[in-house]
C-alpha atoms as a PDB file:
ATOM      1  CA  MET A   1     -34.399 -21.676  38.436  1.00  0.00           C
ATOM      2  CA  ASP A   2     -36.986 -19.226  38.276  1.00  0.00           C
ATOM      3  CA  PRO A   3     -37.821 -16.914  35.650  1.00  0.00           C
ATOM      4  CA  VAL A   4     -36.607 -13.535  36.855  1.00  0.00           C
ATOM      5  CA  THR A   5     -33.194 -15.144  37.297  1.00  0.00           C
ATOM      6  CA  ALA A   6     -33.580 -16.684  33.716  1.00  0.00           C
ATOM      7  CA  VAL A   7     -35.206 -13.242  32.649  1.00  0.00           C
ATOM      8  CA  TYR A   8     -31.745 -11.706  34.193  1.00  0.00           C
ATOM      9  CA  LEU A   9     -29.532 -13.928  33.657  1.00  0.00           C
ATOM     10  CA  GLY A  10     -30.383 -13.920  29.001  1.00  0.00           C
ATOM     11  CA  ALA A  11     -30.834 -10.171  29.538  1.00  0.00           C
ATOM     12  CA  THR A  12     -27.337 -10.195  30.790  1.00  0.00           C
ATOM     13  CA  ILE A  13     -25.670 -12.170  28.267  1.00  0.00           C
ATOM     14  CA  LEU A  14     -26.920 -10.514  25.702  1.00  0.00           C
ATOM     15  CA  ALA A  15     -25.778  -6.522  27.166  1.00  0.00           C
ATOM     16  CA  GLY A  16     -22.529  -8.191  27.394  1.00  0.00           C
ATOM     17  CA  GLY A  17     -22.446  -9.625  23.688  1.00  0.00           C
ATOM     18  CA  VAL A  18     -23.856  -6.673  21.917  1.00  0.00           C
ATOM     19  CA  ALA A  19     -21.118  -4.456  24.178  1.00  0.00           C
ATOM     20  CA  ALA A  20     -18.738  -6.470  23.053  1.00  0.00           C
ATOM     21  CA  ARG A  21     -19.860  -6.450  19.781  1.00  0.00           C
ATOM     22  CA  SER A  22     -20.152  -3.015  19.591  1.00  0.00           C
ATOM     23  CA  ALA A  23     -16.409  -2.115  21.372  1.00  0.00           C
ATOM     24  CA  HIS A  24     -15.093  -4.785  18.868  1.00  0.00           C
ATOM     25  CA  ASN A  25     -16.767  -2.413  15.889  1.00  0.00           C
ATOM     26  CA  ALA A  26     -15.733   0.380  17.279  1.00  0.00           C
ATOM     27  CA  GLY A  27     -11.996  -0.333  17.377  1.00  0.00           C
ATOM     28  CA  LYS A  28     -12.564  -1.700  13.685  1.00  0.00           C
ATOM     29  CA  ALA A  29     -14.463   1.623  12.290  1.00  0.00           C
ATOM     30  CA  THR A  30     -11.789   4.225  13.813  1.00  0.00           C
ATOM     31  CA  GLU A  31      -9.051   1.506  11.976  1.00  0.00           C
ATOM     32  CA  ILE A  32     -10.255   1.971   8.949  1.00  0.00           C
ATOM     33  CA  GLN A  33     -10.533   5.873   9.326  1.00  0.00           C
ATOM     34  CA  TYR A  34      -7.098   5.621  10.325  1.00  0.00           C
ATOM     35  CA  LYS A  35      -6.114   3.657   7.462  1.00  0.00           C
ATOM     36  CA  GLU A  36      -8.475   6.282   4.961  1.00  0.00           C
ATOM     37  CA  GLN A  37      -6.099   8.957   6.634  1.00  0.00           C
ATOM     38  CA  ALA A  38      -2.893   7.064   5.392  1.00  0.00           C
ATOM     39  CA  LYS A  39      -3.992   6.886   2.199  1.00  0.00           C
ATOM     40  CA  GLN A  40      -5.329  10.619   1.901  1.00  0.00           C
ATOM     41  CA  GLU A  41      -1.656  11.850   2.586  1.00  0.00           C
ATOM     42  CA  GLU A  42      -0.162   9.480   0.629  1.00  0.00           C
ATOM     43  CA  VAL A  43      -2.231  10.652  -2.598  1.00  0.00           C
ATOM     44  CA  SER A  44      -1.592  14.604  -1.286  1.00  0.00           C
ATOM     45  CA  ALA A  45       1.769  13.528  -1.084  1.00  0.00           C
ATOM     46  CA  ARG A  46       1.867  12.698  -4.890  1.00  0.00           C
ATOM     47  CA  ASP A  47      -0.173  15.849  -5.808  1.00  0.00           C
ATOM     48  CA  ARG A  48       2.562  18.275  -3.778  1.00  0.00           C
ATOM     49  CA  GLU A  49       5.765  16.098  -6.057  1.00  0.00           C
ATOM     50  CA  ILE A  50       3.247  16.956  -8.929  1.00  0.00           C
ATOM     51  CA  GLU A  51       3.363  20.817  -8.258  1.00  0.00           C
ATOM     52  CA  ARG A  52       7.078  20.788  -7.395  1.00  0.00           C
ATOM     53  CA  ARG A  53       8.264  19.219 -10.773  1.00  0.00           C
ATOM     54  CA  ARG A  54       5.974  21.918 -12.609  1.00  0.00           C
ATOM     55  CA  ARG A  55       7.263  24.712 -10.478  1.00  0.00           C
ATOM     56  CA  LEU A  56      11.137  22.854 -10.828  1.00  0.00           C
ATOM     57  CA  VAL A  57      10.744  23.006 -15.154  1.00  0.00           C
ATOM     58  CA  GLN A  58       8.499  26.560 -14.938  1.00  0.00           C
ATOM     59  CA  ALA A  59      11.521  27.726 -13.778  1.00  0.00           C
ATOM     60  CA  LEU A  60      14.128  26.211 -15.466  1.00  0.00           C
ATOM     61  CA  SER A  61      12.258  26.914 -18.583  1.00  0.00           C
ATOM     62  CA  SER A  62      12.679  31.074 -17.550  1.00  0.00           C
ATOM     63  CA  GLN A  63      16.263  30.654 -16.461  1.00  0.00           C
ATOM     64  CA  ASN A  64      16.744  29.454 -20.140  1.00  0.00           C
ATOM     65  CA  ALA A  65      14.562  31.770 -21.540  1.00  0.00           C
ATOM     66  CA  GLU A  66      16.189  34.727 -19.887  1.00  0.00           C
ATOM     67  CA  ALA A  67      20.015  32.947 -21.033  1.00  0.00           C
ATOM     68  CA  GLY A  68      18.495  32.584 -24.644  1.00  0.00           C
ATOM     69  CA  ALA A  69      17.399  36.013 -25.203  1.00  0.00           C
ATOM     70  CA  ALA A  70      20.788  37.861 -23.142  1.00  0.00           C
ATOM     71  CA  GLY A  71      22.533  35.113 -26.605  1.00  0.00           C
ATOM     72  CA  ILE A  72      24.114  33.293 -23.761  1.00  0.00           C
ATOM     73  CA  ASP A  73      24.480  29.737 -23.374  1.00  0.00           C
ATOM     74  CA  PRO A  74      22.515  27.862 -20.344  1.00  0.00           C
ATOM     75  CA  THR A  75      23.996  24.964 -20.403  1.00  0.00           C
ATOM     76  CA  THR A  76      27.595  26.828 -19.536  1.00  0.00           C
ATOM     77  CA  GLY A  77      28.944  28.363 -16.186  1.00  0.00           C
ATOM     78  CA  SER A  78      26.843  30.106 -14.294  1.00  0.00           C
ATOM     79  CA  ARG A  79      23.964  29.484 -15.553  1.00  0.00           C
ATOM     80  CA  ARG A  80      24.611  26.121 -15.341  1.00  0.00           C
ATOM     81  CA  ALA A  81      25.796  26.248 -11.897  1.00  0.00           C
ATOM     82  CA  MET A  82      21.955  27.443 -11.379  1.00  0.00           C
ATOM     83  CA  THR A  83      20.095  25.018 -12.668  1.00  0.00           C
ATOM     84  CA  LEU A  84      21.918  22.488 -11.392  1.00  0.00           C
ATOM     85  CA  GLU A  85      21.766  23.581  -7.818  1.00  0.00           C
ATOM     86  CA  ASP A  86      17.526  24.134  -8.314  1.00  0.00           C
ATOM     87  CA  ALA A  87      17.416  20.973  -9.516  1.00  0.00           C
ATOM     88  CA  ARG A  88      19.170  19.615  -6.496  1.00  0.00           C
ATOM     89  CA  LEU A  89      17.307  22.134  -4.188  1.00  0.00           C
ATOM     90  CA  ALA A  90      14.066  19.956  -5.556  1.00  0.00           C
ATOM     91  CA  GLN A  91      15.343  16.693  -5.796  1.00  0.00           C
ATOM     92  CA  MET A  92      16.030  17.177  -1.336  1.00  0.00           C
ATOM     93  CA  ASP A  93      12.219  19.108  -1.034  1.00  0.00           C
ATOM     94  CA  SER A  94      11.136  15.944  -2.509  1.00  0.00           C
ATOM     95  CA  LEU A  95      13.002  12.864  -0.551  1.00  0.00           C
ATOM     96  CA  THR A  96      11.953  15.359   2.689  1.00  0.00           C
ATOM     97  CA  ASP A  97       9.198  14.843   1.808  1.00  0.00           C
ATOM     98  CA  ARG A  98       8.294  11.244   0.572  1.00  0.00           C
ATOM     99  CA  ALA A  99      10.147  10.381   3.782  1.00  0.00           C
ATOM    100  CA  MET A 100       7.678  12.320   5.758  1.00  0.00           C
ATOM    101  CA  THR A 101       4.872  11.105   4.097  1.00  0.00           C
ATOM    102  CA  ASN A 102       5.850   8.139   4.553  1.00  0.00           C
ATOM    103  CA  ARG A 103       6.715   8.046   8.834  1.00  0.00           C
ATOM    104  CA  ARG A 104       3.373  10.032   8.930  1.00  0.00           C
ATOM    105  CA  ALA A 105       1.311   7.250   6.542  1.00  0.00           C
ATOM    106  CA  ILE A 106       2.862   5.220   8.468  1.00  0.00           C
ATOM    107  CA  ASN A 107       2.097   6.294  12.041  1.00  0.00           C
ATOM    108  CA  LEU A 108      -1.679   6.760  10.902  1.00  0.00           C
ATOM    109  CA  ARG A 109      -1.445   3.047  10.753  1.00  0.00           C
ATOM    110  CA  SER A 110      -0.117   1.752  13.155  1.00  0.00           C
ATOM    111  CA  ALA A 111      -2.409   4.178  15.457  1.00  0.00           C
ATOM    112  CA  GLY A 112      -5.544   2.235  13.984  1.00  0.00           C
ATOM    113  CA  ARG A 113      -3.825  -0.882  14.138  1.00  0.00           C
ATOM    114  CA  ASN A 114      -3.907   0.204  18.322  1.00  0.00           C
ATOM    115  CA  ALA A 115      -7.528   1.471  17.661  1.00  0.00           C
ATOM    116  CA  ARG A 116      -8.380  -2.311  17.084  1.00  0.00           C
ATOM    117  CA  ARG A 117      -6.675  -4.205  19.142  1.00  0.00           C
ATOM    118  CA  GLN A 118      -7.970  -1.694  22.189  1.00  0.00           C
ATOM    119  CA  GLY A 119     -11.845  -2.493  20.284  1.00  0.00           C
ATOM    120  CA  ASP A 120     -11.284  -6.273  20.358  1.00  0.00           C
ATOM    121  CA  LEU A 121      -9.603  -5.660  24.357  1.00  0.00           C
ATOM    122  CA  GLN A 122     -12.803  -3.750  25.341  1.00  0.00           C
ATOM    123  CA  ALA A 123     -14.962  -6.133  24.232  1.00  0.00           C
ATOM    124  CA  ALA A 124     -11.959  -9.610  25.751  1.00  0.00           C
ATOM    125  CA  GLY A 125     -13.432  -6.731  29.096  1.00  0.00           C
ATOM    126  CA  SER A 126     -16.839  -7.193  28.198  1.00  0.00           C
ATOM    127  CA  LEU A 127     -17.443 -10.558  27.393  1.00  0.00           C
ATOM    128  CA  LEU A 128     -15.424 -11.300  30.821  1.00  0.00           C
ATOM    129  CA  ASN A 129     -17.334  -8.455  33.187  1.00  0.00           C
ATOM    130  CA  THR A 130     -20.644 -10.694  31.508  1.00  0.00           C
ATOM    131  CA  GLY A 131     -18.996 -14.005  32.400  1.00  0.00           C
ATOM    132  CA  ALA A 132     -18.270 -12.890  35.908  1.00  0.00           C
ATOM    133  CA  SER A 133     -21.820 -11.261  36.348  1.00  0.00           C
ATOM    134  CA  VAL A 134     -23.804 -14.323  35.063  1.00  0.00           C
ATOM    135  CA  ALA A 135     -22.148 -16.646  37.251  1.00  0.00           C
ATOM    136  CA  ASP A 136     -22.994 -13.868  40.198  1.00  0.00           C
ATOM    137  CA  GLY A 137     -26.931 -14.175  39.507  1.00  0.00           C
ATOM    138  CA  TRP A 138     -26.954 -18.114  38.437  1.00  0.00           C
ATOM    139  CA  PRO A 139     -28.765 -20.253  41.605  1.00  0.00           C
ATOM    140  CA  GLY A 140     -26.183 -21.526  43.722  1.00  0.00           C
ATOM    141  CA  GLY A 141     -23.550 -19.303  42.444  1.00  0.00           C
END
């Protein structure tokens, strides 16, 4: 094998390896970004839940104070019905938000896995192309 061919083949192999590693790393980095987005989504959901409960407690406290100031028992009649309805609505909001957050987090993690797989497929394609180029450049090939 002449030196020019040897250098050509060596450079082709090196370039193919670098391209494959780069594609793999890009897919893995994208997966990590999606996982971080999913974690942030879950943290935001917890913050929303805390705020939702704070608002419910504040609303119920206001209702109780208003009823107390008017000399009405807040645990009977329409006052009780209002309190139960507010609690029920807050619970429904919480359940809906939790379900939506879980779905978004699952979708983000899935997108991350797909990005990693895509990077791995691109890496495999680079290696196959490198192999084909080396075979074409090999003396007698």
